[in-house]
Amino acid sequence: MPDDPLADMPLADALLQRIAGTFGMLSATARLHIVWLLAAGERDVGTLAAELGQSVATVSHHLAKLKLAGLVRSRRDGKRQIYLVDDPHVVEIVKLAVQHHRPERHRRTG
């Protein structure tokens, strides 16, 4: 983008490491799918596990990593933990990636 004011901004190593860490978190398909689902609305671990077709223990492990990275957070609702995306920028990144890779984007028209 020629008129992008950020194009000339230097990137510090620390910033690049944080960005790479975020992409690293999203590089696991299960974690990417969790963020996608949570972007649509809050869910508990049991609901996420059912939607992902994985065990509650596996999904809990992924949620713990996402939470530690600051990408999701939880709140208590009675005895349940409800999870939600904690960073709207990450939601935008995921949505852009989904739009970029949707099959209809790659179809050639007449």
PDB file of N, CA and C in Angstrom:
ATOM      1  N   MET A   1       0.837  -1.181   0.000  1.00  0.00           N
ATOM      2  CA  MET A   1       0.000   0.000   0.000  1.00  0.00           C
ATOM      3  C   MET A   1       0.876   1.236   0.000  1.00  0.00           C
ATOM      4  N   PRO A   2       0.864   1.984  -1.050  1.00  0.00           N
ATOM      5  CA  PRO A   2       1.777   3.117  -1.170  1.00  0.00           C
ATOM      6  C   PRO A   2       1.520   4.227  -0.159  1.00  0.00           C
ATOM      7  N   ASP A   3       0.292   4.472   0.229  1.00  0.00           N
ATOM      8  CA  ASP A   3      -0.015   5.564   1.144  1.00  0.00           C
ATOM      9  C   ASP A   3      -0.156   5.109   2.589  1.00  0.00           C
ATOM     10  N   ASP A   4       0.337   3.955   2.915  1.00  0.00           N
ATOM     11  CA  ASP A   4       0.236   3.423   4.267  1.00  0.00           C
ATOM     12  C   ASP A   4       1.262   4.101   5.166  1.00  0.00           C
ATOM     13  N   PRO A   5       0.812   4.887   6.165  1.00  0.00           N
ATOM     14  CA  PRO A   5       1.756   5.596   7.036  1.00  0.00           C
ATOM     15  C   PRO A   5       2.597   4.650   7.898  1.00  0.00           C
ATOM     16  N   LEU A   6       2.156   3.420   8.061  1.00  0.00           N
ATOM     17  CA  LEU A   6       2.916   2.467   8.873  1.00  0.00           C
ATOM     18  C   LEU A   6       4.043   1.802   8.090  1.00  0.00           C
ATOM     19  N   ALA A   7       4.019   1.925   6.774  1.00  0.00           N
ATOM     20  CA  ALA A   7       4.992   1.227   5.934  1.00  0.00           C
ATOM     21  C   ALA A   7       6.434   1.596   6.260  1.00  0.00           C
ATOM     22  N   ASP A   8       6.672   2.828   6.658  1.00  0.00           N
ATOM     23  CA  ASP A   8       8.037   3.264   6.950  1.00  0.00           C
ATOM     24  C   ASP A   8       8.399   3.137   8.429  1.00  0.00           C
ATOM     25  N   MET A   9       7.478   2.638   9.247  1.00  0.00           N
ATOM     26  CA  MET A   9       7.730   2.529  10.674  1.00  0.00           C
ATOM     27  C   MET A   9       8.625   1.316  10.954  1.00  0.00           C
ATOM     28  N   PRO A  10       9.766   1.524  11.610  1.00  0.00           N
ATOM     29  CA  PRO A  10      10.629   0.378  11.925  1.00  0.00           C
ATOM     30  C   PRO A  10       9.979  -0.506  12.991  1.00  0.00           C
ATOM     31  N   LEU A  11      10.272  -1.776  12.916  1.00  0.00           N
ATOM     32  CA  LEU A  11       9.728  -2.722  13.882  1.00  0.00           C
ATOM     33  C   LEU A  11      10.841  -3.203  14.803  1.00  0.00           C
ATOM     34  N   ALA A  12      10.654  -2.989  16.091  1.00  0.00           N
ATOM     35  CA  ALA A  12      11.634  -3.433  17.081  1.00  0.00           C
ATOM     36  C   ALA A  12      11.556  -4.950  17.232  1.00  0.00           C
ATOM     37  N   ASP A  13      12.673  -5.557  17.588  1.00  0.00           N
ATOM     38  CA  ASP A  13      12.715  -7.007  17.776  1.00  0.00           C
ATOM     39  C   ASP A  13      11.686  -7.486  18.792  1.00  0.00           C
ATOM     40  N   ALA A  14      11.516  -6.745  19.881  1.00  0.00           N
ATOM     41  CA  ALA A  14      10.567  -7.146  20.919  1.00  0.00           C
ATOM     42  C   ALA A  14       9.140  -7.179  20.359  1.00  0.00           C
ATOM     43  N   LEU A  15       8.797  -6.191  19.543  1.00  0.00           N
ATOM     44  CA  LEU A  15       7.475  -6.151  18.931  1.00  0.00           C
ATOM     45  C   LEU A  15       7.297  -7.325  17.974  1.00  0.00           C
ATOM     46  N   LEU A  16       8.300  -7.573  17.165  1.00  0.00           N
ATOM     47  CA  LEU A  16       8.229  -8.701  16.233  1.00  0.00           C
ATOM     48  C   LEU A  16       8.072 -10.025  16.971  1.00  0.00           C
ATOM     49  N   GLN A  17       8.737 -10.174  18.105  1.00  0.00           N
ATOM     50  CA  GLN A  17       8.608 -11.401  18.895  1.00  0.00           C
ATOM     51  C   GLN A  17       7.198 -11.561  19.445  1.00  0.00           C
ATOM     52  N   ARG A  18       6.594 -10.463  19.908  1.00  0.00           N
ATOM     53  CA  ARG A  18       5.216 -10.535  20.422  1.00  0.00           C
ATOM     54  C   ARG A  18       4.247 -10.903  19.298  1.00  0.00           C
ATOM     55  N   ILE A  19       4.449 -10.299  18.137  1.00  0.00           N
ATOM     56  CA  ILE A  19       3.586 -10.598  16.996  1.00  0.00           C
ATOM     57  C   ILE A  19       3.734 -12.067  16.593  1.00  0.00           C
ATOM     58  N   ALA A  20       4.963 -12.536  16.517  1.00  0.00           N
ATOM     59  CA  ALA A  20       5.207 -13.945  16.166  1.00  0.00           C
ATOM     60  C   ALA A  20       4.583 -14.872  17.206  1.00  0.00           C
ATOM     61  N   GLY A  21       4.626 -14.469  18.474  1.00  0.00           N
ATOM     62  CA  GLY A  21       4.003 -15.270  19.527  1.00  0.00           C
ATOM     63  C   GLY A  21       2.502 -15.390  19.329  1.00  0.00           C
ATOM     64  N   THR A  22       1.871 -14.292  18.928  1.00  0.00           N
ATOM     65  CA  THR A  22       0.429 -14.329  18.665  1.00  0.00           C
ATOM     66  C   THR A  22       0.136 -15.259  17.501  1.00  0.00           C
ATOM     67  N   PHE A  23       0.900 -15.119  16.421  1.00  0.00           N
ATOM     68  CA  PHE A  23       0.689 -16.014  15.287  1.00  0.00           C
ATOM     69  C   PHE A  23       0.997 -17.462  15.665  1.00  0.00           C
ATOM     70  N   GLY A  24       1.972 -17.662  16.538  1.00  0.00           N
ATOM     71  CA  GLY A  24       2.274 -19.006  17.018  1.00  0.00           C
ATOM     72  C   GLY A  24       1.096 -19.616  17.760  1.00  0.00           C
ATOM     73  N   MET A  25       0.453 -18.817  18.587  1.00  0.00           N
ATOM     74  CA  MET A  25      -0.734 -19.277  19.309  1.00  0.00           C
ATOM     75  C   MET A  25      -1.832 -19.679  18.342  1.00  0.00           C
ATOM     76  N   LEU A  26      -1.970 -18.929  17.274  1.00  0.00           N
ATOM     77  CA  LEU A  26      -3.033 -19.184  16.307  1.00  0.00           C
ATOM     78  C   LEU A  26      -2.644 -20.226  15.263  1.00  0.00           C
ATOM     79  N   SER A  27      -1.402 -20.711  15.318  1.00  0.00           N
ATOM     80  CA  SER A  27      -0.955 -21.681  14.314  1.00  0.00           C
ATOM     81  C   SER A  27      -1.513 -23.077  14.565  1.00  0.00           C
ATOM     82  N   ALA A  28      -1.975 -23.342  15.767  1.00  0.00           N
ATOM     83  CA  ALA A  28      -2.616 -24.634  16.055  1.00  0.00           C
ATOM     84  C   ALA A  28      -4.067 -24.539  15.592  1.00  0.00           C
ATOM     85  N   THR A  29      -4.496 -25.472  14.761  1.00  0.00           N
ATOM     86  CA  THR A  29      -5.843 -25.390  14.200  1.00  0.00           C
ATOM     87  C   THR A  29      -6.918 -25.369  15.285  1.00  0.00           C
ATOM     88  N   ALA A  30      -6.730 -26.120  16.359  1.00  0.00           N
ATOM     89  CA  ALA A  30      -7.732 -26.134  17.430  1.00  0.00           C
ATOM     90  C   ALA A  30      -7.849 -24.758  18.085  1.00  0.00           C
ATOM     91  N   ARG A  31      -6.714 -24.108  18.354  1.00  0.00           N
ATOM     92  CA  ARG A  31      -6.765 -22.781  18.971  1.00  0.00           C
ATOM     93  C   ARG A  31      -7.361 -21.754  18.023  1.00  0.00           C
ATOM     94  N   LEU A  32      -7.022 -21.850  16.758  1.00  0.00           N
ATOM     95  CA  LEU A  32      -7.602 -20.952  15.758  1.00  0.00           C
ATOM     96  C   LEU A  32      -9.119 -21.132  15.715  1.00  0.00           C
ATOM     97  N   HIS A  33      -9.556 -22.375  15.740  1.00  0.00           N
ATOM     98  CA  HIS A  33     -10.987 -22.673  15.707  1.00  0.00           C
ATOM     99  C   HIS A  33     -11.671 -22.150  16.979  1.00  0.00           C
ATOM    100  N   ILE A  34     -11.029 -22.291  18.121  1.00  0.00           N
ATOM    101  CA  ILE A  34     -11.584 -21.776  19.379  1.00  0.00           C
ATOM    102  C   ILE A  34     -11.778 -20.267  19.292  1.00  0.00           C
ATOM    103  N   VAL A  35     -10.773 -19.554  18.812  1.00  0.00           N
ATOM    104  CA  VAL A  35     -10.892 -18.094  18.681  1.00  0.00           C
ATOM    105  C   VAL A  35     -12.024 -17.752  17.716  1.00  0.00           C
ATOM    106  N   TRP A  36     -12.134 -18.488  16.624  1.00  0.00           N
ATOM    107  CA  TRP A  36     -13.207 -18.255  15.652  1.00  0.00           C
ATOM    108  C   TRP A  36     -14.569 -18.438  16.313  1.00  0.00           C
ATOM    109  N   LEU A  37     -14.735 -19.516  17.050  1.00  0.00           N
ATOM    110  CA  LEU A  37     -16.015 -19.775  17.714  1.00  0.00           C
ATOM    111  C   LEU A  37     -16.322 -18.724  18.778  1.00  0.00           C
ATOM    112  N   LEU A  38     -15.313 -18.360  19.557  1.00  0.00           N
ATOM    113  CA  LEU A  38     -15.518 -17.361  20.607  1.00  0.00           C
ATOM    114  C   LEU A  38     -15.771 -15.972  20.034  1.00  0.00           C
ATOM    115  N   ALA A  39     -15.280 -15.713  18.841  1.00  0.00           N
ATOM    116  CA  ALA A  39     -15.552 -14.434  18.195  1.00  0.00           C
ATOM    117  C   ALA A  39     -17.042 -14.275  17.913  1.00  0.00           C
ATOM    118  N   ALA A  40     -17.731 -15.397  17.744  1.00  0.00           N
ATOM    119  CA  ALA A  40     -19.169 -15.383  17.479  1.00  0.00           C
ATOM    120  C   ALA A  40     -19.987 -15.301  18.766  1.00  0.00           C
ATOM    121  N   GLY A  41     -19.356 -15.578  19.897  1.00  0.00           N
ATOM    122  CA  GLY A  41     -20.078 -15.502  21.165  1.00  0.00           C
ATOM    123  C   GLY A  41     -19.416 -16.335  22.249  1.00  0.00           C
ATOM    124  N   GLU A  42     -19.737 -15.988  23.475  1.00  0.00           N
ATOM    125  CA  GLU A  42     -19.162 -16.675  24.641  1.00  0.00           C
ATOM    126  C   GLU A  42     -19.599 -18.134  24.674  1.00  0.00           C
ATOM    127  N   ARG A  43     -18.719 -18.974  25.219  1.00  0.00           N
ATOM    128  CA  ARG A  43     -19.017 -20.399  25.350  1.00  0.00           C
ATOM    129  C   ARG A  43     -18.302 -20.959  26.562  1.00  0.00           C
ATOM    130  N   ASP A  44     -18.820 -22.057  27.088  1.00  0.00           N
ATOM    131  CA  ASP A  44     -18.093 -22.766  28.135  1.00  0.00           C
ATOM    132  C   ASP A  44     -17.272 -23.878  27.492  1.00  0.00           C
ATOM    133  N   VAL A  45     -16.406 -24.486  28.269  1.00  0.00           N
ATOM    134  CA  VAL A  45     -15.479 -25.476  27.719  1.00  0.00           C
ATOM    135  C   VAL A  45     -16.205 -26.693  27.165  1.00  0.00           C
ATOM    136  N   GLY A  46     -17.300 -27.094  27.799  1.00  0.00           N
ATOM    137  CA  GLY A  46     -18.057 -28.250  27.307  1.00  0.00           C
ATOM    138  C   GLY A  46     -18.660 -27.998  25.940  1.00  0.00           C
ATOM    139  N   THR A  47     -19.191 -26.810  25.741  1.00  0.00           N
ATOM    140  CA  THR A  47     -19.769 -26.441  24.451  1.00  0.00           C
ATOM    141  C   THR A  47     -18.683 -26.392  23.381  1.00  0.00           C
ATOM    142  N   LEU A  48     -17.555 -25.776  23.722  1.00  0.00           N
ATOM    143  CA  LEU A  48     -16.438 -25.719  22.771  1.00  0.00           C
ATOM    144  C   LEU A  48     -15.962 -27.123  22.413  1.00  0.00           C
ATOM    145  N   ALA A  49     -15.828 -27.990  23.417  1.00  0.00           N
ATOM    146  CA  ALA A  49     -15.365 -29.357  23.168  1.00  0.00           C
ATOM    147  C   ALA A  49     -16.312 -30.083  22.211  1.00  0.00           C
ATOM    148  N   ALA A  50     -17.619 -29.914  22.420  1.00  0.00           N
ATOM    149  CA  ALA A  50     -18.600 -30.562  21.545  1.00  0.00           C
ATOM    150  C   ALA A  50     -18.504 -30.014  20.120  1.00  0.00           C
ATOM    151  N   GLU A  51     -18.354 -28.704  19.998  1.00  0.00           N
ATOM    152  CA  GLU A  51     -18.271 -28.093  18.666  1.00  0.00           C
ATOM    153  C   GLU A  51     -16.994 -28.479  17.934  1.00  0.00           C
ATOM    154  N   LEU A  52     -15.916 -28.664  18.692  1.00  0.00           N
ATOM    155  CA  LEU A  52     -14.635 -29.021  18.087  1.00  0.00           C
ATOM    156  C   LEU A  52     -14.472 -30.528  17.893  1.00  0.00           C
ATOM    157  N   GLY A  53     -15.317 -31.312  18.561  1.00  0.00           N
ATOM    158  CA  GLY A  53     -15.180 -32.761  18.503  1.00  0.00           C
ATOM    159  C   GLY A  53     -13.946 -33.247  19.238  1.00  0.00           C
ATOM    160  N   GLN A  54     -13.575 -32.537  20.312  1.00  0.00           N
ATOM    161  CA  GLN A  54     -12.405 -32.897  21.108  1.00  0.00           C
ATOM    162  C   GLN A  54     -12.817 -33.041  22.573  1.00  0.00           C
ATOM    163  N   SER A  55     -11.940 -33.607  23.351  1.00  0.00           N
ATOM    164  CA  SER A  55     -12.243 -33.794  24.776  1.00  0.00           C
ATOM    165  C   SER A  55     -12.206 -32.462  25.510  1.00  0.00           C
ATOM    166  N   VAL A  56     -12.910 -32.425  26.628  1.00  0.00           N
ATOM    167  CA  VAL A  56     -12.901 -31.233  27.479  1.00  0.00           C
ATOM    168  C   VAL A  56     -11.475 -30.949  27.947  1.00  0.00           C
ATOM    169  N   ALA A  57     -10.721 -31.993  28.274  1.00  0.00           N
ATOM    170  CA  ALA A  57      -9.340 -31.815  28.742  1.00  0.00           C
ATOM    171  C   ALA A  57      -8.470 -31.162  27.665  1.00  0.00           C
ATOM    172  N   THR A  58      -8.609 -31.598  26.437  1.00  0.00           N
ATOM    173  CA  THR A  58      -7.817 -31.027  25.334  1.00  0.00           C
ATOM    174  C   THR A  58      -8.180 -29.567  25.107  1.00  0.00           C
ATOM    175  N   VAL A  59      -9.470 -29.277  25.084  1.00  0.00           N
ATOM    176  CA  VAL A  59      -9.920 -27.901  24.859  1.00  0.00           C
ATOM    177  C   VAL A  59      -9.493 -27.013  26.032  1.00  0.00           C
ATOM    178  N   SER A  60      -9.577 -27.544  27.238  1.00  0.00           N
ATOM    179  CA  SER A  60      -9.135 -26.788  28.421  1.00  0.00           C
ATOM    180  C   SER A  60      -7.665 -26.426  28.309  1.00  0.00           C
ATOM    181  N   HIS A  61      -6.873 -27.346  27.815  1.00  0.00           N
ATOM    182  CA  HIS A  61      -5.438 -27.105  27.626  1.00  0.00           C
ATOM    183  C   HIS A  61      -5.217 -25.954  26.630  1.00  0.00           C
ATOM    184  N   HIS A  62      -5.929 -25.998  25.515  1.00  0.00           N
ATOM    185  CA  HIS A  62      -5.807 -24.930  24.520  1.00  0.00           C
ATOM    186  C   HIS A  62      -6.294 -23.595  25.086  1.00  0.00           C
ATOM    187  N   LEU A  63      -7.389 -23.611  25.828  1.00  0.00           N
ATOM    188  CA  LEU A  63      -7.911 -22.381  26.428  1.00  0.00           C
ATOM    189  C   LEU A  63      -6.916 -21.788  27.415  1.00  0.00           C
ATOM    190  N   ALA A  64      -6.244 -22.647  28.180  1.00  0.00           N
ATOM    191  CA  ALA A  64      -5.248 -22.162  29.142  1.00  0.00           C
ATOM    192  C   ALA A  64      -4.121 -21.433  28.420  1.00  0.00           C
ATOM    193  N   LYS A  65      -3.686 -21.981  27.291  1.00  0.00           N
ATOM    194  CA  LYS A  65      -2.626 -21.326  26.510  1.00  0.00           C
ATOM    195  C   LYS A  65      -3.105 -19.991  25.948  1.00  0.00           C
ATOM    196  N   LEU A  66      -4.309 -19.975  25.405  1.00  0.00           N
ATOM    197  CA  LEU A  66      -4.863 -18.746  24.844  1.00  0.00           C
ATOM    198  C   LEU A  66      -5.061 -17.691  25.928  1.00  0.00           C
ATOM    199  N   LYS A  67      -5.456 -18.144  27.095  1.00  0.00           N
ATOM    200  CA  LYS A  67      -5.662 -17.227  28.218  1.00  0.00           C
ATOM    201  C   LYS A  67      -4.330 -16.651  28.688  1.00  0.00           C
ATOM    202  N   LEU A  68      -3.337 -17.487  28.800  1.00  0.00           N
ATOM    203  CA  LEU A  68      -2.002 -17.052  29.210  1.00  0.00           C
ATOM    204  C   LEU A  68      -1.434 -16.030  28.218  1.00  0.00           C
ATOM    205  N   ALA A  69      -1.747 -16.204  26.946  1.00  0.00           N
ATOM    206  CA  ALA A  69      -1.278 -15.287  25.903  1.00  0.00           C
ATOM    207  C   ALA A  69      -2.115 -14.004  25.838  1.00  0.00           C
ATOM    208  N   GLY A  70      -3.184 -13.949  26.626  1.00  0.00           N
ATOM    209  CA  GLY A  70      -4.025 -12.758  26.641  1.00  0.00           C
ATOM    210  C   GLY A  70      -4.991 -12.660  25.476  1.00  0.00           C
ATOM    211  N   LEU A  71      -5.234 -13.772  24.804  1.00  0.00           N
ATOM    212  CA  LEU A  71      -6.133 -13.753  23.651  1.00  0.00           C
ATOM    213  C   LEU A  71      -7.578 -14.051  24.032  1.00  0.00           C
ATOM    214  N   VAL A  72      -7.769 -14.807  25.108  1.00  0.00           N
ATOM    215  CA  VAL A  72      -9.111 -15.062  25.630  1.00  0.00           C
ATOM    216  C   VAL A  72      -9.109 -14.814  27.132  1.00  0.00           C
ATOM    217  N   ARG A  73     -10.293 -14.633  27.665  1.00  0.00           N
ATOM    218  CA  ARG A  73     -10.440 -14.521  29.112  1.00  0.00           C
ATOM    219  C   ARG A  73     -11.676 -15.302  29.511  1.00  0.00           C
ATOM    220  N   SER A  74     -11.863 -15.464  30.793  1.00  0.00           N
ATOM    221  CA  SER A  74     -13.030 -16.201  31.269  1.00  0.00           C
ATOM    222  C   SER A  74     -13.711 -15.419  32.378  1.00  0.00           C
ATOM    223  N   ARG A  75     -14.954 -15.752  32.568  1.00  0.00           N
ATOM    224  CA  ARG A  75     -15.721 -15.212  33.686  1.00  0.00           C
ATOM    225  C   ARG A  75     -16.532 -16.360  34.269  1.00  0.00           C
ATOM    226  N   ARG A  76     -16.814 -16.238  35.539  1.00  0.00           N
ATOM    227  CA  ARG A  76     -17.563 -17.297  36.211  1.00  0.00           C
ATOM    228  C   ARG A  76     -19.053 -17.036  36.061  1.00  0.00           C
ATOM    229  N   ASP A  77     -19.791 -18.109  35.757  1.00  0.00           N
ATOM    230  CA  ASP A  77     -21.249 -18.072  35.704  1.00  0.00           C
ATOM    231  C   ASP A  77     -21.738 -19.272  36.514  1.00  0.00           C
ATOM    232  N   GLY A  78     -21.952 -19.048  37.790  1.00  0.00           N
ATOM    233  CA  GLY A  78     -22.276 -20.161  38.679  1.00  0.00           C
ATOM    234  C   GLY A  78     -21.065 -21.057  38.814  1.00  0.00           C
ATOM    235  N   LYS A  79     -21.215 -22.315  38.452  1.00  0.00           N
ATOM    236  CA  LYS A  79     -20.090 -23.260  38.524  1.00  0.00           C
ATOM    237  C   LYS A  79     -19.309 -23.329  37.214  1.00  0.00           C
ATOM    238  N   ARG A  80     -19.804 -22.674  36.188  1.00  0.00           N
ATOM    239  CA  ARG A  80     -19.159 -22.758  34.876  1.00  0.00           C
ATOM    240  C   ARG A  80     -18.225 -21.585  34.635  1.00  0.00           C
ATOM    241  N   GLN A  81     -17.177 -21.852  33.864  1.00  0.00           N
ATOM    242  CA  GLN A  81     -16.303 -20.798  33.348  1.00  0.00           C
ATOM    243  C   GLN A  81     -16.776 -20.514  31.929  1.00  0.00           C
ATOM    244  N   ILE A  82     -17.044 -19.267  31.658  1.00  0.00           N
ATOM    245  CA  ILE A  82     -17.467 -18.855  30.319  1.00  0.00           C
ATOM    246  C   ILE A  82     -16.281 -18.139  29.681  1.00  0.00           C
ATOM    247  N   TYR A  83     -15.952 -18.536  28.465  1.00  0.00           N
ATOM    248  CA  TYR A  83     -14.789 -17.977  27.769  1.00  0.00           C
ATOM    249  C   TYR A  83     -15.232 -17.010  26.681  1.00  0.00           C
ATOM    250  N   LEU A  84     -14.409 -15.974  26.478  1.00  0.00           N
ATOM    251  CA  LEU A  84     -14.663 -14.991  25.446  1.00  0.00           C
ATOM    252  C   LEU A  84     -13.338 -14.453  24.932  1.00  0.00           C
ATOM    253  N   VAL A  85     -13.358 -13.925  23.719  1.00  0.00           N
ATOM    254  CA  VAL A  85     -12.153 -13.351  23.137  1.00  0.00           C
ATOM    255  C   VAL A  85     -11.830 -12.060  23.886  1.00  0.00           C
ATOM    256  N   ASP A  86     -10.575 -11.888  24.248  1.00  0.00           N
ATOM    257  CA  ASP A  86     -10.160 -10.721  25.019  1.00  0.00           C
ATOM    258  C   ASP A  86      -9.453  -9.676  24.173  1.00  0.00           C
ATOM    259  N   ASP A  87      -9.328  -9.925  22.877  1.00  0.00           N
ATOM    260  CA  ASP A  87      -8.601  -8.994  22.026  1.00  0.00           C
ATOM    261  C   ASP A  87      -9.313  -8.861  20.678  1.00  0.00           C
ATOM    262  N   PRO A  88     -10.039  -7.767  20.466  1.00  0.00           N
ATOM    263  CA  PRO A  88     -10.771  -7.612  19.199  1.00  0.00           C
ATOM    264  C   PRO A  88      -9.858  -7.565  17.974  1.00  0.00           C
ATOM    265  N   HIS A  89      -8.603  -7.168  18.159  1.00  0.00           N
ATOM    266  CA  HIS A  89      -7.671  -7.162  17.026  1.00  0.00           C
ATOM    267  C   HIS A  89      -7.404  -8.577  16.525  1.00  0.00           C
ATOM    268  N   VAL A  90      -7.323  -9.518  17.448  1.00  0.00           N
ATOM    269  CA  VAL A  90      -7.096 -10.911  17.065  1.00  0.00           C
ATOM    270  C   VAL A  90      -8.298 -11.435  16.282  1.00  0.00           C
ATOM    271  N   VAL A  91      -9.500 -11.034  16.701  1.00  0.00           N
ATOM    272  CA  VAL A  91     -10.698 -11.427  15.956  1.00  0.00           C
ATOM    273  C   VAL A  91     -10.603 -10.914  14.519  1.00  0.00           C
ATOM    274  N   GLU A  92     -10.170  -9.686  14.351  1.00  0.00           N
ATOM    275  CA  GLU A  92     -10.031  -9.123  13.002  1.00  0.00           C
ATOM    276  C   GLU A  92      -9.004  -9.888  12.185  1.00  0.00           C
ATOM    277  N   ILE A  93      -7.887 -10.245  12.800  1.00  0.00           N
ATOM    278  CA  ILE A  93      -6.850 -11.016  12.101  1.00  0.00           C
ATOM    279  C   ILE A  93      -7.419 -12.350  11.630  1.00  0.00           C
ATOM    280  N   VAL A  94      -8.146 -13.028  12.518  1.00  0.00           N
ATOM    281  CA  VAL A  94      -8.716 -14.330  12.178  1.00  0.00           C
ATOM    282  C   VAL A  94      -9.763 -14.179  11.080  1.00  0.00           C
ATOM    283  N   LYS A  95     -10.618 -13.176  11.194  1.00  0.00           N
ATOM    284  CA  LYS A  95     -11.634 -12.959  10.157  1.00  0.00           C
ATOM    285  C   LYS A  95     -10.990 -12.670   8.804  1.00  0.00           C
ATOM    286  N   LEU A  96      -9.950 -11.848   8.799  1.00  0.00           N
ATOM    287  CA  LEU A  96      -9.252 -11.550   7.547  1.00  0.00           C
ATOM    288  C   LEU A  96      -8.619 -12.808   6.959  1.00  0.00           C
ATOM    289  N   ALA A  97      -8.042 -13.640   7.815  1.00  0.00           N
ATOM    290  CA  ALA A  97      -7.430 -14.882   7.332  1.00  0.00           C
ATOM    291  C   ALA A  97      -8.484 -15.813   6.747  1.00  0.00           C
ATOM    292  N   VAL A  98      -9.639 -15.898   7.400  1.00  0.00           N
ATOM    293  CA  VAL A  98     -10.723 -16.742   6.884  1.00  0.00           C
ATOM    294  C   VAL A  98     -11.201 -16.210   5.540  1.00  0.00           C
ATOM    295  N   GLN A  99     -11.411 -14.903   5.441  1.00  0.00           N
ATOM    296  CA  GLN A  99     -11.835 -14.315   4.166  1.00  0.00           C
ATOM    297  C   GLN A  99     -10.799 -14.567   3.076  1.00  0.00           C
ATOM    298  N   HIS A 100      -9.539 -14.448   3.431  1.00  0.00           N
ATOM    299  CA  HIS A 100      -8.453 -14.642   2.468  1.00  0.00           C
ATOM    300  C   HIS A 100      -8.417 -16.072   1.927  1.00  0.00           C
ATOM    301  N   HIS A 101      -8.763 -17.042   2.770  1.00  0.00           N
ATOM    302  CA  HIS A 101      -8.627 -18.446   2.380  1.00  0.00           C
ATOM    303  C   HIS A 101      -9.938 -19.135   2.032  1.00  0.00           C
ATOM    304  N   ARG A 102     -11.042 -18.426   2.041  1.00  0.00           N
ATOM    305  CA  ARG A 102     -12.321 -19.041   1.662  1.00  0.00           C
ATOM    306  C   ARG A 102     -12.223 -19.560   0.235  1.00  0.00           C
ATOM    307  N   PRO A 103     -12.794 -20.747  -0.029  1.00  0.00           N
ATOM    308  CA  PRO A 103     -12.714 -21.323  -1.384  1.00  0.00           C
ATOM    309  C   PRO A 103     -13.299 -20.409  -2.461  1.00  0.00           C
ATOM    310  N   GLU A 104     -14.392 -19.706  -2.151  1.00  0.00           N
ATOM    311  CA  GLU A 104     -15.010 -18.870  -3.186  1.00  0.00           C
ATOM    312  C   GLU A 104     -14.102 -17.714  -3.606  1.00  0.00           C
ATOM    313  N   ARG A 105     -13.160 -17.333  -2.762  1.00  0.00           N
ATOM    314  CA  ARG A 105     -12.225 -16.265  -3.123  1.00  0.00           C
ATOM    315  C   ARG A 105     -11.282 -16.733  -4.228  1.00  0.00           C
ATOM    316  N   HIS A 106     -11.008 -18.031  -4.262  1.00  0.00           N
ATOM    317  CA  HIS A 106     -10.023 -18.562  -5.194  1.00  0.00           C
ATOM    318  C   HIS A 106     -10.645 -19.105  -6.481  1.00  0.00           C
ATOM    319  N   ARG A 107     -11.976 -19.090  -6.565  1.00  0.00           N
ATOM    320  CA  ARG A 107     -12.626 -19.539  -7.795  1.00  0.00           C
ATOM    321  C   ARG A 107     -12.431 -18.499  -8.887  1.00  0.00           C
ATOM    322  N   ARG A 108     -12.167 -18.987 -10.050  1.00  0.00           N
ATOM    323  CA  ARG A 108     -12.037 -18.069 -11.196  1.00  0.00           C
ATOM    324  C   ARG A 108     -13.420 -17.881 -11.812  1.00  0.00           C
ATOM    325  N   THR A 109     -13.716 -16.657 -12.143  1.00  0.00           N
ATOM    326  CA  THR A 109     -14.980 -16.378 -12.826  1.00  0.00           C
ATOM    327  C   THR A 109     -14.698 -16.191 -14.311  1.00  0.00           C
ATOM    328  N   GLY A 110     -15.628 -16.759 -15.137  1.00  0.00           N
ATOM    329  CA  GLY A 110     -15.595 -16.734 -16.574  1.00  0.00           C
ATOM    330  C   GLY A 110     -14.651 -15.883 -17.203  1.00  0.00           C
TER     331      GLY A 110
END
